[in-house]
């Protein structure tokens, strides 16, 4: 299914270990053991279609 979606321009937004970006991520929690502004855990992957965000990734960020 994912390969078929990728053929049509749908890509997965999986930001684990990257900096928090409010345009692509939805922060739903805070982890005090992670550096500030870094994504600590991904609860739900996001999806984009041809560069446009369909669903933001739900993440936990550092404090």
Protein backbone atom coordinates (compact mmCIF):
# COMPACT_ATOMS: atom_id res chain seq x y z
CA UNK A 1 0.00 0.00 0.00
CA UNK A 2 2.79 2.43 0.88
CA UNK A 3 4.59 1.88 -2.41
CA UNK A 4 1.38 2.61 -4.31
CA UNK A 5 0.85 5.80 -2.30
CA UNK A 6 4.48 6.84 -2.92
CA UNK A 7 3.92 6.43 -6.68
CA UNK A 8 1.16 9.04 -6.41
CA UNK A 9 3.21 11.52 -4.38
CA UNK A 10 2.30 10.61 -0.79
CA UNK A 11 5.28 10.59 1.59
CA UNK A 12 5.61 9.69 5.27
CA UNK A 13 6.60 12.41 7.77
CA UNK A 14 8.65 10.58 10.44
CA UNK A 15 10.59 13.21 12.43
CA UNK A 16 12.24 11.04 15.12
CA UNK A 17 15.50 12.65 16.29
CA UNK A 18 15.04 15.87 14.31
CA UNK A 19 14.23 19.40 15.43
CA UNK A 20 10.59 20.23 16.17
CA UNK A 21 8.87 22.00 13.27
CA UNK A 22 5.43 23.41 14.08
CA UNK A 23 4.50 23.39 10.39
CA UNK A 24 4.85 19.60 10.16
CA UNK A 25 4.52 18.34 13.75
CA UNK A 26 1.88 18.49 16.47
CA UNK A 27 3.37 18.47 19.97
CA UNK A 28 1.22 16.44 22.37
CA UNK A 29 3.67 15.96 25.24
CA UNK A 30 6.95 17.02 26.85
CA UNK A 31 9.95 14.82 27.73
CA UNK A 32 12.26 16.45 30.33
CA UNK A 33 15.17 14.13 29.42
CA UNK A 34 15.41 15.29 25.79
CA UNK A 35 17.15 18.51 24.65
CA UNK A 36 14.84 21.46 24.07
CA UNK A 37 13.26 21.58 20.62
CA UNK A 38 14.13 17.98 19.69
CA UNK A 39 11.55 15.31 18.88
CA UNK A 40 11.79 12.59 21.55
CA UNK A 41 9.08 10.17 20.42
CA UNK A 42 6.68 9.85 17.49
CA UNK A 43 3.19 8.76 18.51
CA UNK A 44 1.67 8.94 15.03
CA UNK A 45 3.44 9.42 11.72
CA UNK A 46 2.32 12.23 9.47
CA UNK A 47 1.72 12.23 5.72
CA UNK A 48 2.35 14.74 2.94
CA UNK A 49 1.10 14.82 -0.64
CA UNK A 50 3.43 16.46 -3.15
CA UNK A 51 5.00 18.59 -0.42
CA UNK A 52 1.67 19.64 1.15
CA UNK A 53 0.89 18.35 4.62
CA UNK A 54 -2.08 15.98 4.86
CA UNK A 55 -1.72 15.02 8.53
CA UNK A 56 0.88 16.37 10.99
CA UNK A 57 3.00 13.93 12.95
CA UNK A 58 2.00 13.69 16.63
CA UNK A 59 5.20 13.96 18.66
CA UNK A 60 6.61 14.36 22.16
CA UNK A 61 9.26 17.10 22.34
CA UNK A 62 12.08 17.99 24.72
CA UNK A 63 11.52 20.63 27.37
